[in-house]
Amino acid sequence: MQVILDSLQARTRDVAKQQTPAETPSETTAPAGAEGRTADGKKGPTPTRREREAANLRPLVPQDRKLAAQQSKEKAREARARANAGMAAGDERYLPVRDKGPQKRYARDVVDARWSVGELLLPVMGVVVVLTFVLPTNMATIPLLSIYAFVLAAIVDAYLTGRRVRAAITTRVGADRVERGIRWYTGMRTIQMRPMRLPKPQVKRREKITFG
């Protein structure tokens, strides 16, 4: 009996030696932790296209009201600067109603292409004021009388220029299509100094101007 037991134990040991032991993994793959990192040191899963687009979205209106107000002021300032530059250049898109149209442009060009008595009115008045303080009392009336004569000459020149402009437009489009107030518009421009005119002059002195 003892021999049989010894034989069974020996056979059991031989079978155990022949079996290959289960391999113990040297490394255990750690799942992505709360910090979004895997065992190989990389960050969490690559974000999807929708997640990337959501991250790139920016609100059209900034959350900061102060910043939004500042941006609004800057845009308004830029718009005013463009409008002023366009008006000075005679761009029809930026001109006020009183300056729009081919007839008004023609009137401006006629005035700007010539010398007007009225555009010298302010410089002459400045000289007269100085003379009234420099000249003796009995001669102070002379500059005053000369300024009255100069003002009268400026009025006559403005009237004749406006009449000339109206006549040229009438010849081209007919009396019934001439814009109302074109003579007054022309005359008022003649009494302005050239650098102070708006829209700015677009023609040179003595340049030939035609309507249409």
N, C-alpha and C. Protein backbone atom coordinates (compact mmCIF):
# COMPACT_ATOMS: atom_id res chain seq x y z
N MET A 1 0.83 -1.21 0.00
CA MET A 1 0.00 0.00 0.00
C MET A 1 0.86 1.25 0.00
N GLN A 2 1.89 1.19 0.80
CA GLN A 2 2.80 2.33 0.88
C GLN A 2 3.50 2.55 -0.44
N VAL A 3 3.75 1.48 -1.13
CA VAL A 3 4.42 1.60 -2.43
C VAL A 3 3.53 2.31 -3.43
N ILE A 4 2.24 2.01 -3.37
CA ILE A 4 1.29 2.66 -4.30
C ILE A 4 1.21 4.14 -4.05
N LEU A 5 1.16 4.55 -2.75
CA LEU A 5 1.08 5.98 -2.41
C LEU A 5 2.33 6.72 -2.87
N ASP A 6 3.49 6.09 -2.65
CA ASP A 6 4.73 6.76 -3.09
C ASP A 6 4.75 6.94 -4.60
N SER A 7 4.24 5.95 -5.32
CA SER A 7 4.23 6.04 -6.78
C SER A 7 3.32 7.16 -7.26
N LEU A 8 2.14 7.33 -6.61
CA LEU A 8 1.21 8.41 -7.00
C LEU A 8 1.81 9.79 -6.72
N GLN A 9 2.48 9.94 -5.59
CA GLN A 9 3.09 11.23 -5.26
C GLN A 9 4.19 11.59 -6.26
N ALA A 10 4.99 10.59 -6.65
CA ALA A 10 6.06 10.86 -7.62
C ALA A 10 5.50 11.27 -8.96
N ARG A 11 4.42 10.60 -9.37
CA ARG A 11 3.80 10.97 -10.66
C ARG A 11 3.22 12.39 -10.61
N THR A 12 2.64 12.72 -9.47
CA THR A 12 2.06 14.07 -9.33
C THR A 12 3.14 15.14 -9.44
N ARG A 13 4.32 14.90 -8.85
CA ARG A 13 5.41 15.88 -8.93
C ARG A 13 5.91 16.03 -10.36
N ASP A 14 5.98 14.90 -11.10
CA ASP A 14 6.44 14.97 -12.48
C ASP A 14 5.49 15.78 -13.36
N VAL A 15 4.19 15.58 -13.12
CA VAL A 15 3.19 16.35 -13.92
C VAL A 15 3.29 17.83 -13.62
N ALA A 16 3.52 18.17 -12.34
CA ALA A 16 3.62 19.59 -11.95
C ALA A 16 4.83 20.24 -12.59
N LYS A 17 5.95 19.50 -12.71
CA LYS A 17 7.15 20.07 -13.32
C LYS A 17 6.95 20.32 -14.81
N GLN A 18 6.19 19.44 -15.48
CA GLN A 18 6.00 19.58 -16.93
C GLN A 18 5.09 20.75 -17.30
N GLN A 19 4.22 21.18 -16.39
CA GLN A 19 3.31 22.30 -16.70
C GLN A 19 4.07 23.62 -16.67
N THR A 20 3.77 24.52 -17.64
CA THR A 20 4.42 25.85 -17.70
C THR A 20 3.70 26.80 -16.76
N PRO A 21 4.39 27.49 -15.88
CA PRO A 21 3.71 28.45 -14.97
C PRO A 21 3.17 29.65 -15.72
N ALA A 22 2.05 30.18 -15.22
CA ALA A 22 1.42 31.37 -15.85
C ALA A 22 2.32 32.57 -15.70
N GLU A 23 2.46 33.27 -16.77
CA GLU A 23 3.32 34.45 -16.75
C GLU A 23 2.66 35.58 -15.97
N THR A 24 3.46 36.18 -15.15
CA THR A 24 2.97 37.33 -14.37
C THR A 24 3.29 38.60 -15.15
N PRO A 25 2.33 39.37 -15.49
CA PRO A 25 2.61 40.59 -16.28
C PRO A 25 3.55 41.51 -15.54
N SER A 26 4.58 41.96 -16.27
CA SER A 26 5.56 42.85 -15.65
C SER A 26 5.03 44.26 -15.50
N GLU A 27 4.13 44.60 -16.40
CA GLU A 27 3.58 45.96 -16.34
C GLU A 27 2.07 45.86 -16.44
N THR A 28 1.42 46.60 -15.73
CA THR A 28 -0.05 46.66 -15.77
C THR A 28 -0.46 47.96 -16.41
N THR A 29 -1.23 47.83 -17.48
CA THR A 29 -1.66 49.05 -18.17
C THR A 29 -2.65 49.80 -17.30
N ALA A 30 -2.25 50.94 -16.92
CA ALA A 30 -3.10 51.76 -16.03
C ALA A 30 -4.10 52.52 -16.87
N PRO A 31 -5.34 52.48 -16.49
CA PRO A 31 -6.34 53.25 -17.23
C PRO A 31 -6.10 54.73 -17.08
N ALA A 32 -6.66 55.44 -18.02
CA ALA A 32 -6.51 56.90 -17.96
C ALA A 32 -7.08 57.40 -16.65
N GLY A 33 -6.26 58.08 -15.88
CA GLY A 33 -6.68 58.57 -14.58
C GLY A 33 -7.53 59.81 -14.69
N ALA A 34 -7.76 60.37 -13.52
CA ALA A 34 -8.60 61.58 -13.48
C ALA A 34 -7.93 62.73 -14.18
N GLU A 35 -6.55 62.65 -14.29
CA GLU A 35 -5.84 63.74 -14.92
C GLU A 35 -5.74 63.55 -16.42
N GLY A 36 -6.32 62.50 -16.99
CA GLY A 36 -6.34 62.30 -18.43
C GLY A 36 -5.04 61.79 -18.98
N ARG A 37 -4.25 61.00 -18.18
CA ARG A 37 -2.98 60.47 -18.67
C ARG A 37 -3.00 58.95 -18.58
N THR A 38 -2.35 58.32 -19.56
CA THR A 38 -2.22 56.86 -19.58
C THR A 38 -0.86 56.48 -19.05
N ALA A 39 -0.62 55.13 -18.99
CA ALA A 39 0.64 54.66 -18.41
C ALA A 39 1.85 55.05 -19.23
N ASP A 40 1.68 55.29 -20.54
CA ASP A 40 2.82 55.64 -21.38
C ASP A 40 3.15 57.12 -21.32
N GLY A 41 2.48 57.88 -20.47
CA GLY A 41 2.82 59.28 -20.29
C GLY A 41 2.07 60.23 -21.19
N LYS A 42 1.26 59.73 -22.13
CA LYS A 42 0.52 60.61 -23.03
C LYS A 42 -0.72 61.14 -22.35
N LYS A 43 -1.24 62.21 -22.88
CA LYS A 43 -2.47 62.78 -22.36
C LYS A 43 -3.64 61.89 -22.74
N GLY A 44 -4.81 62.30 -22.30
CA GLY A 44 -6.01 61.51 -22.52
C GLY A 44 -6.35 61.38 -23.98
N PRO A 45 -7.51 60.87 -24.28
CA PRO A 45 -7.90 60.61 -25.68
C PRO A 45 -7.93 61.89 -26.50
N THR A 46 -7.57 61.79 -27.78
CA THR A 46 -7.55 62.95 -28.68
C THR A 46 -8.96 63.54 -28.79
N PRO A 47 -9.07 64.87 -28.59
CA PRO A 47 -10.41 65.47 -28.65
C PRO A 47 -11.01 65.33 -30.04
N THR A 48 -12.29 65.20 -30.10
CA THR A 48 -12.98 65.08 -31.38
C THR A 48 -13.05 66.43 -32.07
N ARG A 49 -13.46 66.40 -33.34
CA ARG A 49 -13.57 67.64 -34.11
C ARG A 49 -14.58 68.58 -33.48
N ARG A 50 -15.67 68.05 -33.00
CA ARG A 50 -16.70 68.90 -32.37
C ARG A 50 -16.16 69.57 -31.11
N GLU A 51 -15.36 68.82 -30.34
CA GLU A 51 -14.79 69.40 -29.13
C GLU A 51 -13.79 70.50 -29.46
N ARG A 52 -12.98 70.29 -30.52
CA ARG A 52 -12.03 71.33 -30.92
C ARG A 52 -12.74 72.58 -31.39
N GLU A 53 -13.80 72.42 -32.19
CA GLU A 53 -14.56 73.58 -32.67
C GLU A 53 -15.20 74.32 -31.51
N ALA A 54 -15.71 73.59 -30.54
CA ALA A 54 -16.32 74.25 -29.38
C ALA A 54 -15.30 75.04 -28.59
N ALA A 55 -14.05 74.51 -28.51
CA ALA A 55 -13.00 75.21 -27.77
C ALA A 55 -12.57 76.49 -28.47
N ASN A 56 -12.68 76.51 -29.81
CA ASN A 56 -12.26 77.68 -30.58
C ASN A 56 -13.32 78.75 -30.69
N LEU A 57 -14.52 78.45 -30.27
CA LEU A 57 -15.59 79.44 -30.37
C LEU A 57 -15.31 80.62 -29.45
N ARG A 58 -15.59 81.83 -29.95
CA ARG A 58 -15.46 83.04 -29.16
C ARG A 58 -16.77 83.80 -29.25
N PRO A 59 -17.23 84.39 -28.18
CA PRO A 59 -18.48 85.15 -28.23
C PRO A 59 -18.34 86.38 -29.11
N LEU A 60 -19.38 86.67 -29.91
CA LEU A 60 -19.35 87.86 -30.76
C LEU A 60 -19.28 89.13 -29.93
N VAL A 61 -19.93 89.16 -28.81
CA VAL A 61 -19.91 90.30 -27.91
C VAL A 61 -19.06 89.94 -26.72
N PRO A 62 -17.98 90.67 -26.45
CA PRO A 62 -17.13 90.33 -25.32
C PRO A 62 -17.92 90.34 -24.01
N GLN A 63 -17.50 89.47 -23.10
CA GLN A 63 -18.17 89.42 -21.82
C GLN A 63 -17.93 90.69 -21.02
N ASP A 64 -16.76 91.30 -21.22
CA ASP A 64 -16.43 92.52 -20.50
C ASP A 64 -17.15 93.70 -21.16
N ARG A 65 -18.06 94.32 -20.44
CA ARG A 65 -18.82 95.44 -21.02
C ARG A 65 -17.93 96.64 -21.31
N LYS A 66 -16.95 96.85 -20.46
CA LYS A 66 -16.04 97.97 -20.69
C LYS A 66 -15.27 97.79 -21.98
N LEU A 67 -14.80 96.56 -22.23
CA LEU A 67 -14.08 96.28 -23.47
C LEU A 67 -15.00 96.41 -24.67
N ALA A 68 -16.24 95.96 -24.53
CA ALA A 68 -17.20 96.07 -25.63
C ALA A 68 -17.48 97.53 -25.96
N ALA A 69 -17.63 98.37 -24.93
CA ALA A 69 -17.87 99.80 -25.17
C ALA A 69 -16.68 100.45 -25.84
N GLN A 70 -15.47 100.05 -25.44
CA GLN A 70 -14.27 100.61 -26.06
C GLN A 70 -14.17 100.22 -27.53
N GLN A 71 -14.47 98.96 -27.84
CA GLN A 71 -14.44 98.51 -29.23
C GLN A 71 -15.49 99.24 -30.06
N SER A 72 -16.66 99.47 -29.47
CA SER A 72 -17.72 100.19 -30.19
C SER A 72 -17.29 101.62 -30.50
N LYS A 73 -16.63 102.27 -29.55
CA LYS A 73 -16.16 103.64 -29.77
C LYS A 73 -15.10 103.68 -30.86
N GLU A 74 -14.21 102.69 -30.87
CA GLU A 74 -13.16 102.65 -31.89
C GLU A 74 -13.76 102.47 -33.28
N LYS A 75 -14.77 101.60 -33.40
CA LYS A 75 -15.42 101.40 -34.69
C LYS A 75 -16.13 102.67 -35.14
N ALA A 76 -16.80 103.36 -34.21
CA ALA A 76 -17.48 104.60 -34.56
C ALA A 76 -16.48 105.66 -34.99
N ARG A 77 -15.32 105.72 -34.31
CA ARG A 77 -14.30 106.69 -34.67
C ARG A 77 -13.75 106.41 -36.07
N GLU A 78 -13.52 105.15 -36.37
CA GLU A 78 -13.04 104.78 -37.71
C GLU A 78 -14.07 105.12 -38.78
N ALA A 79 -15.35 104.90 -38.48
CA ALA A 79 -16.41 105.21 -39.45
C ALA A 79 -16.46 106.71 -39.71
N ARG A 80 -16.33 107.52 -38.64
CA ARG A 80 -16.33 108.98 -38.82
C ARG A 80 -15.13 109.44 -39.63
N ALA A 81 -13.98 108.82 -39.37
CA ALA A 81 -12.78 109.20 -40.12
C ALA A 81 -12.95 108.90 -41.61
N ARG A 82 -13.52 107.72 -41.92
CA ARG A 82 -13.76 107.38 -43.33
C ARG A 82 -14.76 108.35 -43.96
N ALA A 83 -15.80 108.71 -43.21
CA ALA A 83 -16.81 109.62 -43.74
C ALA A 83 -16.22 111.00 -44.00
N ASN A 84 -15.40 111.49 -43.06
CA ASN A 84 -14.79 112.81 -43.24
C ASN A 84 -13.83 112.82 -44.42
N ALA A 85 -13.04 111.75 -44.55
CA ALA A 85 -12.11 111.67 -45.67
C ALA A 85 -12.87 111.58 -46.99
N GLY A 86 -13.94 110.81 -47.01
CA GLY A 86 -14.74 110.69 -48.23
C GLY A 86 -15.42 111.99 -48.61
N MET A 87 -15.92 112.72 -47.61
CA MET A 87 -16.57 114.00 -47.89
C MET A 87 -15.56 115.01 -48.41
N ALA A 88 -14.38 115.05 -47.79
CA ALA A 88 -13.36 115.98 -48.24
C ALA A 88 -12.92 115.69 -49.67
N ALA A 89 -12.92 114.41 -50.05
CA ALA A 89 -12.50 114.02 -51.40
C ALA A 89 -13.63 114.14 -52.42
N GLY A 90 -14.83 114.49 -51.97
CA GLY A 90 -15.95 114.63 -52.89
C GLY A 90 -16.60 113.32 -53.27
N ASP A 91 -16.40 112.27 -52.48
CA ASP A 91 -17.03 110.97 -52.73
C ASP A 91 -18.53 111.09 -52.48
N GLU A 92 -19.32 110.79 -53.50
CA GLU A 92 -20.77 110.94 -53.40
C GLU A 92 -21.38 110.12 -52.27
N ARG A 93 -20.75 109.02 -51.91
CA ARG A 93 -21.31 108.16 -50.85
C ARG A 93 -21.31 108.85 -49.50
N TYR A 94 -20.40 109.79 -49.29
CA TYR A 94 -20.26 110.42 -47.98
C TYR A 94 -20.71 111.88 -47.97
N LEU A 95 -21.16 112.39 -49.09
CA LEU A 95 -21.56 113.79 -49.15
C LEU A 95 -22.94 113.98 -48.53
N PRO A 96 -23.15 115.11 -47.84
CA PRO A 96 -24.50 115.42 -47.39
C PRO A 96 -25.40 115.73 -48.58
N VAL A 97 -26.69 115.77 -48.34
CA VAL A 97 -27.65 115.95 -49.44
C VAL A 97 -27.40 117.25 -50.18
N ARG A 98 -27.04 118.30 -49.46
CA ARG A 98 -26.87 119.61 -50.11
C ARG A 98 -25.70 119.62 -51.10
N ASP A 99 -24.77 118.67 -51.00
CA ASP A 99 -23.60 118.65 -51.89
C ASP A 99 -23.66 117.56 -52.95
N LYS A 100 -24.71 116.77 -52.96
CA LYS A 100 -24.76 115.64 -53.88
C LYS A 100 -25.27 116.06 -55.25
N GLY A 101 -24.87 115.29 -56.25
CA GLY A 101 -25.39 115.48 -57.60
C GLY A 101 -24.40 116.13 -58.54
N PRO A 102 -24.54 115.89 -59.83
CA PRO A 102 -23.62 116.45 -60.83
C PRO A 102 -23.70 117.96 -60.94
N GLN A 103 -24.87 118.54 -60.68
CA GLN A 103 -24.99 119.99 -60.77
C GLN A 103 -24.21 120.69 -59.66
N LYS A 104 -24.28 120.15 -58.46
CA LYS A 104 -23.52 120.73 -57.35
C LYS A 104 -22.02 120.55 -57.58
N ARG A 105 -21.64 119.42 -58.12
CA ARG A 105 -20.22 119.20 -58.41
C ARG A 105 -19.73 120.20 -59.47
N TYR A 106 -20.54 120.43 -60.47
CA TYR A 106 -20.15 121.39 -61.51
C TYR A 106 -20.01 122.79 -60.91
N ALA A 107 -20.93 123.18 -60.04
CA ALA A 107 -20.85 124.49 -59.40
C ALA A 107 -19.57 124.62 -58.59
N ARG A 108 -19.22 123.59 -57.85
CA ARG A 108 -17.99 123.63 -57.06
C ARG A 108 -16.76 123.75 -57.96
N ASP A 109 -16.75 122.99 -59.03
CA ASP A 109 -15.59 123.01 -59.92
C ASP A 109 -15.42 124.37 -60.60
N VAL A 110 -16.53 125.00 -60.96
CA VAL A 110 -16.45 126.33 -61.59
C VAL A 110 -15.85 127.34 -60.62
N VAL A 111 -16.30 127.30 -59.38
CA VAL A 111 -15.78 128.24 -58.38
C VAL A 111 -14.31 127.95 -58.08
N ASP A 112 -13.97 126.68 -57.96
CA ASP A 112 -12.60 126.32 -57.57
C ASP A 112 -11.59 126.54 -58.69
N ALA A 113 -12.05 126.63 -59.92
CA ALA A 113 -11.14 126.81 -61.05
C ALA A 113 -10.79 128.28 -61.30
N ARG A 114 -11.33 129.18 -60.52
CA ARG A 114 -11.08 130.61 -60.74
C ARG A 114 -10.80 131.31 -59.42
N TRP A 115 -10.29 132.53 -59.53
CA TRP A 115 -10.12 133.38 -58.36
C TRP A 115 -11.42 134.13 -58.12
N SER A 116 -11.85 134.18 -56.88
CA SER A 116 -13.06 134.91 -56.53
C SER A 116 -12.70 136.07 -55.60
N VAL A 117 -13.45 137.15 -55.73
CA VAL A 117 -13.22 138.30 -54.84
C VAL A 117 -13.54 137.92 -53.40
N GLY A 118 -14.59 137.13 -53.23
CA GLY A 118 -15.03 136.79 -51.88
C GLY A 118 -14.03 135.98 -51.08
N GLU A 119 -13.21 135.15 -51.73
CA GLU A 119 -12.26 134.34 -50.97
C GLU A 119 -11.15 135.18 -50.37
N LEU A 120 -11.01 136.42 -50.81
CA LEU A 120 -10.02 137.33 -50.23
C LEU A 120 -10.63 138.22 -49.15
N LEU A 121 -11.91 138.02 -48.87
CA LEU A 121 -12.62 138.91 -47.95
C LEU A 121 -12.03 138.86 -46.54
N LEU A 122 -11.83 137.69 -46.00
CA LEU A 122 -11.31 137.57 -44.64
C LEU A 122 -9.89 138.14 -44.51
N PRO A 123 -8.96 137.84 -45.42
CA PRO A 123 -7.64 138.47 -45.31
C PRO A 123 -7.70 139.99 -45.37
N VAL A 124 -8.53 140.53 -46.26
CA VAL A 124 -8.65 141.98 -46.38
C VAL A 124 -9.22 142.58 -45.09
N MET A 125 -10.21 141.94 -44.51
CA MET A 125 -10.79 142.44 -43.27
C MET A 125 -9.75 142.43 -42.15
N GLY A 126 -8.88 141.43 -42.12
CA GLY A 126 -7.82 141.41 -41.12
C GLY A 126 -6.87 142.58 -41.28
N VAL A 127 -6.52 142.90 -42.53
CA VAL A 127 -5.64 144.04 -42.79
C VAL A 127 -6.31 145.34 -42.36
N VAL A 128 -7.60 145.46 -42.64
CA VAL A 128 -8.34 146.68 -42.28
C VAL A 128 -8.36 146.88 -40.77
N VAL A 129 -8.58 145.81 -40.03
CA VAL A 129 -8.59 145.92 -38.56
C VAL A 129 -7.25 146.42 -38.04
N VAL A 130 -6.16 145.91 -38.61
CA VAL A 130 -4.84 146.36 -38.18
C VAL A 130 -4.63 147.83 -38.52
N LEU A 131 -5.07 148.25 -39.70
CA LEU A 131 -4.89 149.64 -40.12
C LEU A 131 -5.67 150.61 -39.25
N THR A 132 -6.82 150.20 -38.76
CA THR A 132 -7.60 151.10 -37.91
C THR A 132 -6.88 151.42 -36.60
N PHE A 133 -5.98 150.55 -36.18
CA PHE A 133 -5.21 150.82 -34.96
C PHE A 133 -3.90 151.54 -35.26
N VAL A 134 -3.41 151.40 -36.48
CA VAL A 134 -2.12 151.99 -36.83
C VAL A 134 -2.27 153.42 -37.35
N LEU A 135 -3.26 153.65 -38.20
CA LEU A 135 -3.43 154.96 -38.82
C LEU A 135 -3.95 155.98 -37.81
N PRO A 136 -3.69 157.25 -38.07
CA PRO A 136 -4.24 158.32 -37.23
C PRO A 136 -5.77 158.29 -37.23
N THR A 137 -6.37 158.94 -36.26
CA THR A 137 -7.82 158.91 -36.12
C THR A 137 -8.52 159.51 -37.33
N ASN A 138 -7.97 160.59 -37.86
CA ASN A 138 -8.63 161.23 -39.00
C ASN A 138 -8.53 160.41 -40.29
N MET A 139 -7.69 159.36 -40.30
CA MET A 139 -7.56 158.52 -41.49
C MET A 139 -8.14 157.11 -41.28
N ALA A 140 -8.68 156.84 -40.11
CA ALA A 140 -9.18 155.50 -39.80
C ALA A 140 -10.42 155.14 -40.61
N THR A 141 -11.13 156.17 -41.10
CA THR A 141 -12.35 155.88 -41.88
C THR A 141 -12.03 155.36 -43.28
N ILE A 142 -10.82 155.62 -43.76
CA ILE A 142 -10.47 155.18 -45.12
C ILE A 142 -10.48 153.66 -45.24
N PRO A 143 -9.83 152.92 -44.33
CA PRO A 143 -9.91 151.46 -44.43
C PRO A 143 -11.33 150.92 -44.29
N LEU A 144 -12.16 151.57 -43.44
CA LEU A 144 -13.53 151.10 -43.27
C LEU A 144 -14.33 151.26 -44.56
N LEU A 145 -14.15 152.39 -45.23
CA LEU A 145 -14.86 152.60 -46.50
C LEU A 145 -14.38 151.60 -47.56
N SER A 146 -13.10 151.29 -47.53
CA SER A 146 -12.57 150.34 -48.52
C SER A 146 -13.12 148.93 -48.29
N ILE A 147 -13.34 148.57 -47.03
CA ILE A 147 -13.88 147.24 -46.78
C ILE A 147 -15.32 147.14 -47.24
N TYR A 148 -16.09 148.22 -47.11
CA TYR A 148 -17.46 148.21 -47.63
C TYR A 148 -17.46 148.00 -49.14
N ALA A 149 -16.56 148.67 -49.81
CA ALA A 149 -16.46 148.52 -51.27
C ALA A 149 -16.05 147.09 -51.63
N PHE A 150 -15.16 146.52 -50.84
CA PHE A 150 -14.71 145.16 -51.13
C PHE A 150 -15.85 144.16 -50.92
N VAL A 151 -16.65 144.36 -49.88
CA VAL A 151 -17.78 143.46 -49.63
C VAL A 151 -18.78 143.54 -50.78
N LEU A 152 -19.03 144.75 -51.25
CA LEU A 152 -19.95 144.92 -52.38
C LEU A 152 -19.43 144.21 -53.63
N ALA A 153 -18.13 144.31 -53.87
CA ALA A 153 -17.54 143.64 -55.02
C ALA A 153 -17.65 142.12 -54.89
N ALA A 154 -17.50 141.60 -53.67
CA ALA A 154 -17.61 140.16 -53.45
C ALA A 154 -19.04 139.68 -53.71
N ILE A 155 -20.03 140.48 -53.31
CA ILE A 155 -21.43 140.11 -53.54
C ILE A 155 -21.74 140.07 -55.03
N VAL A 156 -21.26 141.09 -55.75
CA VAL A 156 -21.50 141.14 -57.19
C VAL A 156 -20.83 139.95 -57.88
N ASP A 157 -19.61 139.63 -57.48
CA ASP A 157 -18.89 138.51 -58.09
C ASP A 157 -19.62 137.19 -57.81
N ALA A 158 -20.12 137.02 -56.59
CA ALA A 158 -20.85 135.79 -56.25
C ALA A 158 -22.12 135.67 -57.07
N TYR A 159 -22.82 136.78 -57.25
CA TYR A 159 -24.06 136.76 -58.04
C TYR A 159 -23.78 136.39 -59.49
N LEU A 160 -22.77 137.00 -60.07
CA LEU A 160 -22.47 136.74 -61.47
C LEU A 160 -21.99 135.30 -61.68
N THR A 161 -21.22 134.78 -60.74
CA THR A 161 -20.75 133.39 -60.87
C THR A 161 -21.92 132.42 -60.78
N GLY A 162 -22.82 132.66 -59.83
CA GLY A 162 -24.00 131.80 -59.70
C GLY A 162 -24.88 131.85 -60.94
N ARG A 163 -25.00 133.02 -61.50
CA ARG A 163 -25.81 133.17 -62.72
C ARG A 163 -25.17 132.42 -63.88
N ARG A 164 -23.87 132.50 -63.96
CA ARG A 164 -23.15 131.80 -65.03
C ARG A 164 -23.33 130.29 -64.91
N VAL A 165 -23.22 129.77 -63.69
CA VAL A 165 -23.39 128.33 -63.47
C VAL A 165 -24.79 127.89 -63.84
N ARG A 166 -25.79 128.64 -63.40
CA ARG A 166 -27.17 128.28 -63.71
C ARG A 166 -27.43 128.29 -65.22
N ALA A 167 -26.87 129.27 -65.91
CA ALA A 167 -27.07 129.36 -67.36
C ALA A 167 -26.44 128.15 -68.07
N ALA A 168 -25.26 127.73 -67.62
CA ALA A 168 -24.60 126.58 -68.25
C ALA A 168 -25.40 125.30 -68.02
N ILE A 169 -25.94 125.13 -66.83
CA ILE A 169 -26.73 123.93 -66.54
C ILE A 169 -28.04 123.95 -67.32
N THR A 170 -28.65 125.13 -67.40
CA THR A 170 -29.91 125.25 -68.14
C THR A 170 -29.73 124.88 -69.60
N THR A 171 -28.60 125.27 -70.17
CA THR A 171 -28.33 124.95 -71.57
C THR A 171 -28.25 123.44 -71.79
N ARG A 172 -27.76 122.73 -70.81
CA ARG A 172 -27.57 121.28 -70.96
C ARG A 172 -28.83 120.47 -70.63
N VAL A 173 -29.53 120.83 -69.56
CA VAL A 173 -30.64 119.98 -69.10
C VAL A 173 -32.00 120.65 -69.20
N GLY A 174 -32.03 121.96 -69.47
CA GLY A 174 -33.31 122.66 -69.52
C GLY A 174 -33.62 123.35 -68.19
N ALA A 175 -34.36 124.44 -68.27
CA ALA A 175 -34.65 125.24 -67.08
C ALA A 175 -35.46 124.49 -66.04
N ASP A 176 -36.33 123.57 -66.48
CA ASP A 176 -37.19 122.86 -65.54
C ASP A 176 -36.45 121.78 -64.75
N ARG A 177 -35.23 121.47 -65.13
CA ARG A 177 -34.47 120.42 -64.45
C ARG A 177 -33.28 120.97 -63.66
N VAL A 178 -33.17 122.28 -63.60
CA VAL A 178 -32.10 122.89 -62.81
C VAL A 178 -32.46 122.79 -61.33
N GLU A 179 -31.53 122.36 -60.53
CA GLU A 179 -31.79 122.20 -59.10
C GLU A 179 -32.05 123.56 -58.45
N ARG A 180 -32.99 123.54 -57.55
CA ARG A 180 -33.35 124.77 -56.85
C ARG A 180 -32.21 125.20 -55.91
N GLY A 181 -31.91 126.49 -55.90
CA GLY A 181 -30.88 127.02 -55.02
C GLY A 181 -29.46 126.88 -55.54
N ILE A 182 -29.29 126.56 -56.83
CA ILE A 182 -27.95 126.34 -57.35
C ILE A 182 -27.14 127.64 -57.37
N ARG A 183 -27.80 128.77 -57.62
CA ARG A 183 -27.08 130.05 -57.62
C ARG A 183 -26.60 130.40 -56.21
N TRP A 184 -27.45 130.18 -55.22
CA TRP A 184 -27.06 130.46 -53.84
C TRP A 184 -25.91 129.54 -53.41
N TYR A 185 -25.99 128.29 -53.79
CA TYR A 185 -24.94 127.32 -53.47
C TYR A 185 -23.60 127.77 -54.07
N THR A 186 -23.65 128.23 -55.31
CA THR A 186 -22.42 128.69 -55.98
C THR A 186 -21.88 129.94 -55.31
N GLY A 187 -22.77 130.89 -55.04
CA GLY A 187 -22.33 132.15 -54.44
C GLY A 187 -21.70 131.97 -53.07
N MET A 188 -22.27 131.09 -52.25
CA MET A 188 -21.72 130.88 -50.91
C MET A 188 -20.32 130.26 -50.97
N ARG A 189 -20.07 129.47 -51.98
CA ARG A 189 -18.73 128.87 -52.09
C ARG A 189 -17.70 129.91 -52.53
N THR A 190 -18.12 130.92 -53.27
CA THR A 190 -17.17 131.93 -53.74
C THR A 190 -16.61 132.78 -52.60
N ILE A 191 -17.34 132.90 -51.50
CA ILE A 191 -16.87 133.75 -50.40
C ILE A 191 -16.08 132.95 -49.36
N GLN A 192 -15.85 131.69 -49.63
CA GLN A 192 -15.04 130.87 -48.73
C GLN A 192 -13.60 130.82 -49.24
N MET A 193 -12.66 130.88 -48.30
CA MET A 193 -11.26 130.72 -48.70
C MET A 193 -11.05 129.30 -49.23
N ARG A 194 -10.23 129.17 -50.23
CA ARG A 194 -10.04 127.87 -50.89
C ARG A 194 -9.66 126.74 -49.92
N PRO A 195 -8.73 126.95 -48.97
CA PRO A 195 -8.38 125.84 -48.06
C PRO A 195 -9.51 125.45 -47.11
N MET A 196 -10.49 126.32 -46.93
CA MET A 196 -11.57 126.05 -45.97
C MET A 196 -12.80 125.45 -46.63
N ARG A 197 -12.78 125.24 -47.92
CA ARG A 197 -13.96 124.73 -48.61
C ARG A 197 -14.13 123.23 -48.42
N LEU A 198 -15.37 122.83 -48.24
CA LEU A 198 -15.75 121.42 -48.15
C LEU A 198 -16.95 121.19 -49.05
N PRO A 199 -16.89 120.16 -49.87
CA PRO A 199 -15.76 119.26 -50.16
C PRO A 199 -14.54 120.01 -50.71
N LYS A 200 -13.39 119.44 -50.55
CA LYS A 200 -12.15 120.08 -50.99
C LYS A 200 -12.16 120.25 -52.51
N PRO A 201 -11.50 121.32 -52.99
CA PRO A 201 -11.42 121.51 -54.45
C PRO A 201 -10.78 120.32 -55.15
N GLN A 202 -11.38 119.90 -56.25
CA GLN A 202 -10.91 118.75 -57.03
C GLN A 202 -10.29 119.18 -58.36
N VAL A 203 -10.25 120.49 -58.62
CA VAL A 203 -9.69 121.00 -59.87
C VAL A 203 -8.66 122.07 -59.55
N LYS A 204 -7.82 122.35 -60.53
CA LYS A 204 -6.79 123.37 -60.36
C LYS A 204 -7.30 124.73 -60.86
N ARG A 205 -6.58 125.76 -60.49
CA ARG A 205 -6.91 127.09 -60.97
C ARG A 205 -6.81 127.13 -62.50
N ARG A 206 -7.73 127.84 -63.11
CA ARG A 206 -7.77 128.07 -64.55
C ARG A 206 -8.02 126.79 -65.35
N GLU A 207 -8.44 125.76 -64.69
CA GLU A 207 -8.78 124.53 -65.42
C GLU A 207 -10.13 124.71 -66.10
N LYS A 208 -10.23 124.22 -67.32
CA LYS A 208 -11.47 124.36 -68.08
C LYS A 208 -12.51 123.37 -67.56
N ILE A 209 -13.70 123.90 -67.25
CA ILE A 209 -14.76 123.09 -66.66
C ILE A 209 -15.96 123.08 -67.61
N THR A 210 -16.48 121.90 -67.85
CA THR A 210 -17.69 121.75 -68.66
C THR A 210 -18.68 120.89 -67.90
N PHE A 211 -19.95 121.12 -68.14
CA PHE A 211 -21.01 120.36 -67.47
C PHE A 211 -21.49 119.23 -68.38
N GLY A 212 -21.67 118.06 -67.77
CA GLY A 212 -22.19 116.93 -68.52
C GLY A 212 -21.12 116.10 -69.20
